Protein backbone atom coordinates (compact mmCIF):
# COMPACT_ATOMS: atom_id res chain seq x y z
CA MET A 1 41.15 158.24 155.70
CA GLY A 2 38.38 156.05 154.79
CA VAL A 3 35.78 154.55 157.12
CA LYS A 4 36.70 154.88 161.14
CA PRO A 5 36.51 151.71 163.04
CA ARG A 6 33.41 151.98 165.19
CA VAL A 7 33.91 151.77 169.03
CA LEU A 8 31.16 151.59 171.47
CA VAL A 9 32.53 152.80 175.04
CA VAL A 10 30.53 151.22 178.07
CA SER A 11 31.36 152.49 181.52
CA PRO A 12 29.81 153.21 185.00
CA TRP A 13 30.80 156.66 185.20
CA TYR A 14 32.25 159.18 182.49
CA ALA A 15 32.56 162.86 182.75
CA PRO A 16 31.35 165.09 184.20
CA GLY A 17 31.46 162.73 186.94
CA PHE A 18 34.88 161.93 188.84
CA LYS A 19 34.16 160.65 192.38
CA ALA A 20 35.03 157.17 190.77
CA GLY A 21 38.71 158.09 190.17
CA GLY A 22 40.85 155.81 188.01
CA VAL A 23 37.88 154.74 186.11
CA VAL A 24 36.80 157.99 184.50
CA ARG A 25 40.41 159.08 184.21
CA ALA A 26 41.33 156.25 182.22
CA VAL A 27 38.11 156.17 179.90
CA GLN A 28 38.27 160.16 179.20
CA ASN A 29 42.03 160.10 178.58
CA MET A 30 41.55 156.87 176.10
CA VAL A 31 38.74 158.75 174.29
CA GLU A 32 40.13 162.12 174.28
CA ALA A 33 43.36 160.45 172.82
CA LEU A 34 42.00 158.44 169.93
CA ALA A 35 38.66 160.35 169.12
CA GLY A 36 40.12 161.51 166.05
CA GLU A 37 41.27 158.39 165.15
CA LEU A 38 37.78 156.19 165.90
CA ASP A 39 34.38 156.81 165.30
CA ILE A 40 33.55 156.59 169.45
CA SER A 41 30.41 156.57 171.19
CA ILE A 42 29.87 156.26 175.06
CA VAL A 43 27.36 154.81 177.23
CA THR A 44 27.31 155.63 180.58
CA SER A 45 25.23 156.51 183.99
CA ASP A 46 23.55 160.10 184.25
CA ARG A 47 25.24 160.41 187.72
CA ASP A 48 28.47 160.23 190.02
CA LEU A 49 29.54 157.24 192.12
CA LEU A 50 27.25 157.76 195.31
CA ASP A 51 24.69 160.41 194.09
CA SER A 52 21.04 160.08 194.01
CA ALA A 53 20.89 163.08 191.69
CA ALA A 54 21.68 163.06 188.04
CA TYR A 55 24.26 165.74 186.74
CA PRO A 56 22.62 168.79 186.24
CA GLY A 57 21.94 169.98 182.61
CA VAL A 58 22.44 166.58 180.87
CA ASP A 59 19.79 165.11 178.87
CA ALA A 60 19.35 161.46 179.68
CA ASP A 61 18.22 158.47 177.64
CA ARG A 62 19.14 160.22 174.25
CA TRP A 63 22.57 160.32 172.43
CA LEU A 64 24.05 163.66 172.79
CA GLU A 65 26.84 165.20 170.19
CA ARG A 66 30.03 166.32 171.49
CA ASP A 67 33.12 167.59 169.70
CA SER A 68 34.42 164.15 168.91
CA TYR A 69 32.16 161.57 170.09
CA ARG A 70 28.60 160.65 170.72
CA ILE A 71 27.37 159.77 174.40
CA LEU A 72 24.07 158.46 176.24
CA TYR A 73 23.89 158.88 179.66
CA LEU A 74 21.49 156.36 181.07
CA SER A 75 18.92 156.98 183.81
CA PRO A 76 18.48 154.26 186.35
CA GLY A 77 15.67 151.91 186.56
CA GLY A 78 14.72 148.73 184.47
CA GLY A 79 14.54 150.93 181.14
CA ALA A 80 18.53 151.43 181.46
CA TYR A 81 18.82 147.58 180.20
CA ARG A 82 16.30 148.29 177.05
CA THR A 83 18.17 151.46 176.26
CA MET A 84 21.65 149.87 176.66
CA ALA A 85 20.41 146.78 174.45
CA ARG A 86 19.08 149.16 171.77
CA ALA A 87 22.34 151.02 171.82
CA ILE A 88 24.10 147.89 171.14
CA ARG A 89 21.99 146.31 168.83
CA GLY A 90 20.65 149.13 166.69
CA GLU A 91 24.21 149.78 165.17
CA ARG A 92 27.25 148.04 163.62
CA TRP A 93 30.06 148.28 166.06
CA ASP A 94 33.30 146.82 165.36
CA THR A 95 34.43 146.91 168.96
CA VAL A 96 32.22 147.35 172.17
CA HIS A 97 34.82 148.48 175.04
CA VAL A 98 33.63 147.26 178.73
CA ASN A 99 34.90 149.03 181.43
CA GLY A 100 35.12 146.86 184.69
CA VAL A 101 33.62 143.61 185.75
CA PHE A 102 30.99 143.15 188.54
CA ASP A 103 28.60 145.88 187.75
CA PRO A 104 25.27 144.17 186.51
CA LEU A 105 24.09 146.76 183.84
CA TYR A 106 27.38 148.78 182.90
CA ASN A 107 29.93 145.29 182.77
CA LEU A 108 27.45 142.12 182.41
CA TRP A 109 24.57 143.20 180.08
CA PRO A 110 26.89 144.67 177.50
CA VAL A 111 28.73 141.41 177.21
CA LEU A 112 25.73 139.27 177.19
CA VAL A 113 24.09 141.52 174.50
CA ALA A 114 26.67 142.01 172.37
CA ARG A 115 27.79 138.11 172.20
CA ALA A 116 23.82 137.06 171.42
CA GLN A 117 23.97 138.77 168.40
CA ARG A 118 24.12 137.15 165.03
CA PRO A 119 27.60 136.56 163.79
CA SER A 120 27.32 139.18 160.95
CA ARG A 121 26.51 141.75 163.71
CA ARG A 122 28.48 140.65 166.53
CA PRO A 123 31.16 143.06 167.68
CA ARG A 124 34.48 142.14 169.36
CA VAL A 125 34.27 142.66 173.08
CA VAL A 126 36.96 143.92 174.85
CA VAL A 127 36.99 143.80 178.84
CA GLN A 128 39.00 146.31 180.55
CA VAL A 129 39.82 145.12 184.05
CA HIS A 130 40.86 148.23 185.68
CA GLY A 131 42.24 146.37 188.96
CA MET A 132 39.78 144.44 189.64
CA PHE A 133 41.68 141.20 189.57
CA GLY A 134 44.34 142.21 192.00
CA ALA A 135 44.69 140.30 195.15
CA GLY A 136 44.06 143.17 197.27
CA ALA A 137 41.06 144.43 195.25
CA LEU A 138 39.54 140.53 195.26
CA ARG A 139 39.79 140.62 199.09
CA ILE A 140 37.02 143.26 199.37
CA LYS A 141 33.62 141.53 199.22
CA ALA A 142 35.57 138.32 198.69
CA PRO A 143 32.55 135.72 198.66
CA LYS A 144 30.55 137.42 196.33
CA LYS A 145 33.32 137.80 193.94
CA ARG A 146 34.63 134.38 194.24
CA SER A 147 30.94 133.01 193.58
CA PHE A 148 30.46 135.25 190.66
CA LEU A 149 34.07 134.20 189.20
CA ALA A 150 33.18 130.66 189.42
CA ALA A 151 30.00 130.76 187.91
CA ALA A 152 31.17 133.03 185.10
CA ARG A 153 33.81 130.15 184.50
CA ALA A 154 31.40 127.29 184.49
CA LEU A 155 29.24 129.27 182.28
CA GLN A 156 31.96 130.57 179.86
CA PHE A 157 30.36 133.62 180.13
CA TYR A 158 33.55 135.21 178.47
CA ARG A 159 33.84 133.18 175.62
CA GLY A 160 35.39 134.79 172.78
CA VAL A 161 35.88 137.94 174.94
CA THR A 162 39.27 139.87 174.83
CA TRP A 163 40.58 141.06 178.22
CA HIS A 164 42.27 144.62 178.05
CA ALA A 165 45.28 144.53 180.69
CA SER A 166 46.85 147.74 181.20
CA THR A 167 50.08 146.49 182.74
CA ALA A 168 51.76 142.70 182.60
CA GLN A 169 51.35 142.35 186.28
CA GLU A 170 47.24 143.00 185.37
CA ALA A 171 47.71 140.37 182.55
CA SER A 172 48.82 137.75 184.82
CA GLU A 173 46.12 138.53 187.34
CA ILE A 174 44.00 137.87 184.59
CA HIS A 175 45.26 134.48 183.64
CA ASP A 176 45.08 133.71 186.98
CA VAL A 177 41.34 133.97 187.25
CA PHE A 178 40.29 132.82 183.74
CA GLY A 179 43.24 130.50 182.77
CA PRO A 180 46.26 130.38 180.67
CA ARG A 181 43.72 130.17 177.61
CA ALA A 182 42.34 133.33 178.15
CA LEU A 183 42.85 135.85 175.48
CA VAL A 184 44.77 139.31 177.22
CA GLU A 185 46.26 142.22 175.44
CA GLU A 186 48.15 144.56 177.18
CA ALA A 187 47.69 148.48 176.48
CA ALA A 188 48.67 151.02 179.01
CA ASN A 189 46.15 153.77 180.19
CA VAL A 190 46.83 156.89 178.94
CA PRO A 191 48.34 159.13 181.21
CA ASP A 192 47.10 162.87 181.51
CA ARG A 193 48.83 165.20 179.78
CA PRO A 194 51.61 166.87 181.50
CA ARG A 195 49.70 170.18 182.24
CA ALA A 196 51.27 171.41 185.45
CA ASP A 197 54.07 173.81 185.82
CA PRO A 198 56.95 172.81 187.76
CA PRO A 199 57.27 173.51 191.26
CA ASP A 200 58.04 176.94 192.10
CA GLY A 201 59.14 176.59 195.51
CA ALA A 202 56.45 178.49 197.43
CA ARG A 203 55.46 175.28 199.16
CA GLY A 204 57.82 175.78 202.11
CA LYS A 205 59.34 173.15 204.59
CA ARG A 206 60.74 172.90 207.83
CA ALA A 207 61.75 170.19 209.63
CA GLY A 208 59.51 168.77 212.23
CA GLU A 209 56.40 170.09 210.00
CA ALA A 210 54.89 168.32 207.24
CA ARG A 211 51.42 168.51 205.42
CA PHE A 212 49.91 165.21 204.10
CA CYS A 213 47.12 164.13 202.32
CA PHE A 214 45.34 160.66 201.55
CA PHE A 215 43.59 161.74 198.53
CA SER A 216 41.22 158.50 197.18
CA ARG A 217 37.75 157.22 198.10
CA VAL A 218 37.33 155.83 201.52
CA SER A 219 36.86 152.25 200.73
CA PRO A 220 38.90 149.48 202.11
CA LYS A 221 40.88 148.86 198.92
CA LYS A 222 42.74 152.32 199.06
CA GLY A 223 44.02 151.86 202.88
CA LEU A 224 43.17 154.81 204.77
CA LEU A 225 42.77 153.03 207.55
CA GLU A 226 46.50 151.95 207.26
CA ALA A 227 47.53 155.25 206.63
CA LEU A 228 46.25 156.41 210.07
CA ARG A 229 48.13 153.37 211.73
CA PHE A 230 51.07 154.09 210.45
CA LEU A 231 50.89 157.58 211.26
CA ALA A 232 50.03 156.58 214.71
CA ARG A 233 53.11 154.34 215.03
CA SER A 234 55.49 157.39 213.67
CA SER A 235 56.60 160.21 215.88
CA ALA A 236 54.10 162.42 214.29
CA GLY A 237 53.16 165.37 216.35
CA PRO A 238 52.26 168.78 216.34
CA GLY A 239 52.90 170.59 212.93
CA VAL A 240 51.76 167.35 211.13
CA ILE A 241 48.49 167.23 209.20
CA LEU A 242 46.39 165.10 207.37
CA ASP A 243 43.82 165.54 205.17
CA ILE A 244 41.67 163.16 203.47
CA ILE A 245 40.47 164.24 200.13
CA GLY A 246 37.46 162.12 198.67
CA PRO A 247 34.19 160.48 199.12
CA VAL A 248 33.38 158.31 201.59
CA ASP A 249 32.52 154.74 199.53
CA ASP A 250 31.92 152.58 202.62
CA ALA A 251 30.26 154.31 205.65
CA ALA A 252 31.19 151.25 208.08
CA TYR A 253 34.75 151.39 207.02
CA TRP A 254 34.79 155.06 207.67
CA GLN A 255 33.45 154.61 211.15
CA SER A 256 36.56 152.18 211.59
CA CYS A 257 38.70 155.14 210.48
CA GLU A 258 37.14 157.60 212.44
CA ARG A 259 37.99 155.29 215.62
CA GLU A 260 41.39 155.16 214.68
CA ILE A 261 41.74 159.13 214.19
CA ALA A 262 40.42 158.99 218.00
CA ARG A 263 43.04 157.07 218.89
CA LEU A 264 45.46 159.44 217.49
CA GLY A 265 44.64 161.83 220.49
CA GLY A 266 45.47 164.86 218.63
CA ARG A 267 48.75 164.27 217.88
CA VAL A 268 48.03 164.48 213.94
CA ALA A 269 45.59 167.54 212.80
CA VAL A 270 43.22 165.22 210.89
CA THR A 271 40.63 167.01 208.56
CA ALA A 272 37.96 165.00 206.28
CA ARG A 273 37.54 167.10 203.31
CA GLY A 274 35.35 165.34 200.99
CA ALA A 275 35.61 165.18 197.07
CA ILE A 276 36.90 168.07 195.06
CA GLU A 277 36.20 168.97 191.38
CA PRO A 278 38.70 167.86 188.99
CA HIS A 279 39.54 171.47 187.93
CA GLU A 280 40.48 171.74 191.55
CA VAL A 281 43.26 168.92 191.74
CA ASN A 282 46.44 169.99 190.99
CA ALA A 283 45.90 173.25 193.37
CA THR A 284 44.88 171.14 195.76
CA LEU A 285 47.97 168.66 195.46
CA SER A 286 50.46 171.91 195.29
CA ALA A 287 49.26 172.78 198.71
CA TYR A 288 50.74 169.36 200.49
CA HIS A 289 54.13 168.29 200.71
CA PHE A 290 53.42 164.47 200.39
CA MET A 291 50.63 161.90 199.59
CA LEU A 292 50.20 159.06 201.73
CA LEU A 293 48.70 156.31 199.68
CA PRO A 294 49.15 152.76 201.18
CA THR A 295 46.48 151.36 198.73
CA HIS A 296 45.89 147.84 198.52
CA HIS A 297 46.00 147.73 194.96
CA GLU A 298 46.01 150.25 192.02
CA ASN A 299 46.33 149.02 187.94
CA PHE A 300 47.26 152.40 187.34
CA GLY A 301 46.65 155.27 190.12
CA TYR A 302 46.12 158.45 188.33
CA VAL A 303 46.05 160.43 191.48
CA ILE A 304 49.59 159.34 192.02
CA LEU A 305 50.84 161.06 188.50
CA GLU A 306 48.62 163.87 189.48
CA ALA A 307 50.74 164.11 192.83
CA LEU A 308 53.98 163.63 191.52
CA LEU A 309 53.07 166.69 188.37
CA ALA A 310 52.38 168.88 191.31
CA GLY A 311 55.68 168.39 192.97
CA CYS A 312 54.23 166.22 195.65
CA PRO A 313 56.46 163.01 196.36
CA VAL A 314 54.05 160.17 197.31
CA VAL A 315 54.60 157.24 200.17
CA LEU A 316 53.08 154.72 198.32
CA SER A 317 52.34 150.71 198.65
CA ASP A 318 54.01 148.40 196.42
CA GLN A 319 50.81 147.46 195.12
CA THR A 320 50.94 149.83 191.99
CA PRO A 321 52.86 150.29 188.60
CA TRP A 322 54.91 152.82 190.24
CA ARG A 323 57.42 151.00 191.64
CA ASP A 324 60.76 153.03 190.87
CA LEU A 325 59.79 156.19 192.64
CA ALA A 326 62.33 155.89 195.26
CA ASP A 327 65.05 155.00 192.68
CA ARG A 328 64.39 158.54 191.01
CA SER A 329 63.72 160.41 194.56
CA ALA A 330 60.28 160.81 193.78
CA GLY A 331 58.90 158.94 196.54
CA TRP A 332 58.31 155.61 198.93
CA VAL A 333 57.36 152.23 197.65
CA ILE A 334 56.76 150.19 200.76
CA PRO A 335 55.27 146.48 201.11
CA LEU A 336 52.13 146.98 202.68
CA ALA A 337 52.53 144.75 205.38
CA ASP A 338 55.55 146.68 206.50
CA GLU A 339 54.25 149.00 209.01
CA ALA A 340 57.85 149.69 210.45
CA ARG A 341 59.18 151.04 207.16
CA PHE A 342 55.92 153.07 206.42
CA ALA A 343 56.54 154.67 209.71
CA ARG A 344 59.95 155.54 209.03
CA ALA A 345 58.98 156.80 205.82
CA ILE A 346 56.72 158.98 207.36
CA ASP A 347 59.43 160.31 210.10
CA GLU A 348 61.69 160.98 207.15
CA CYS A 349 59.23 163.19 205.66
CA ILE A 350 58.30 165.13 208.99
CA GLN A 351 62.10 165.38 209.60
CA MET A 352 63.15 166.84 206.01
CA ASP A 353 64.15 170.48 205.42
CA GLY A 354 63.31 172.91 203.04
CA ALA A 355 66.34 172.24 200.94
CA GLU A 356 65.97 168.38 200.60
CA TYR A 357 62.36 168.97 200.41
CA GLN A 358 62.71 171.22 197.12
CA ARG A 359 64.94 168.75 195.66
CA ARG A 360 62.54 165.62 195.99
CA SER A 361 59.88 167.74 194.51
CA ALA A 362 61.71 168.82 191.70
CA ALA A 363 62.57 165.23 191.09
CA ALA A 364 58.76 164.22 191.47
CA HIS A 365 57.37 166.58 189.14
CA ARG A 366 60.43 165.63 186.52
CA TYR A 367 59.68 161.87 186.72
CA ALA A 368 55.87 162.68 185.86
CA VAL A 369 56.48 164.81 183.14
CA GLU A 370 58.61 161.75 181.60
CA ALA A 371 56.30 159.40 182.45
CA ALA A 372 52.99 161.58 180.87
CA SER A 373 55.25 162.33 177.51
CA ASN A 374 55.96 158.95 175.96
CA PRO A 375 54.15 158.80 172.34
CA ALA A 376 54.56 155.25 172.06
CA ALA A 377 52.73 154.21 174.83
CA LEU A 378 49.22 155.10 172.80
CA ALA A 379 50.11 152.33 169.82
CA PRO A 380 48.92 149.16 171.66
CA LEU A 381 45.83 150.70 172.71
CA ARG A 382 45.22 152.11 169.35
CA ALA A 383 45.89 148.55 167.97
CA LEU A 384 43.61 147.06 170.48
CA LEU A 385 40.50 149.21 169.95
CA GLY A 386 41.01 150.28 166.15
CA ALA A 387 41.24 146.85 164.94
CA ARG A 388 38.34 145.99 162.76
CA ALA A 389 36.96 142.51 163.50
CA ASP A 390 36.63 139.45 161.88
CA ARG A 391 33.20 138.50 162.64
CA SER A 392 33.33 135.10 161.61
CA MET A 393 36.18 134.36 164.01
CA ILE A 394 35.06 136.18 167.42
CA ASP A 395 33.57 133.17 169.01
CA ALA A 396 36.20 130.61 167.58
CA ARG A 397 37.77 130.65 170.65
């Protein structure tokens, strides 16, 4: 088929990391889907989110060959900037695909290095936002983010960059931040392959009892504090549990959550389980009746798809692309500010009997399989990354 377009993917995290959640899944699914068509190399960190130790058995700071791509794990420190620069300058890339916006090493430095090359070697730079420009996301550490974005606009830091939006909503958010002339291309994230079997009915459900999980990082963006407050406002009592699955990303926020748990006074059995390995996700979700995720923003939400594939209906905020769950009997989609509706949805979950629950569980799985099985969804991403840049035009905008 001739020479494949050469794509360098830069991400703060990649497999075997998993604690960053959707970013890792989006990048990994993209690489696995397109590695046969593109010549892909990856630069990433040698450790997972919040970890002080490197991945075991990973040889850092040198290219490692995998079955269908190469990967370079960077150890921390000033040398990482030099190694990153050598990776970008040392070879001719058609596209440098940067995942995220605010990380100095993995988001800003690749844009700067790639754009500083002479025109004959300058690659296209594509920046995927991963939900970071959503209103809920921008409210977290708002002063620092506002200052950075104002400086980036003033300095035209992203001049010539193509923005990768995964949804029409995200495209609008990018234009809100960088103006109507920003070059934005929309290409949906690659969903997980539907590998889970249909629910087998073993997850029994009785009226008055419910097993909820909150499955995400413990950080203000993800909405655990709201989830606890909604439970407190509901009729939840003995027979209702909430398991919190995910790493603590913000210690001060977790302390606020612990105070809210204490205010529940034992009405709900709350357990913090911490992070789990990716291979445990489906079996873990299959043990719960419902997932409660009043997130402030998700540009995709891989864990939502995972829950649905496991036949676990979702009680969700309206700040995600999964807006039609209620129409398909696969969950509830509620405005984040409407505490009363969240409480009523939780009560509906608690009072649901076994027959109705099995109907809802099967509907959730059916919805997820349809969402994950659309081959046409890959075409925009293939076009975005597979195009060869006209290097003479990259900085013309």
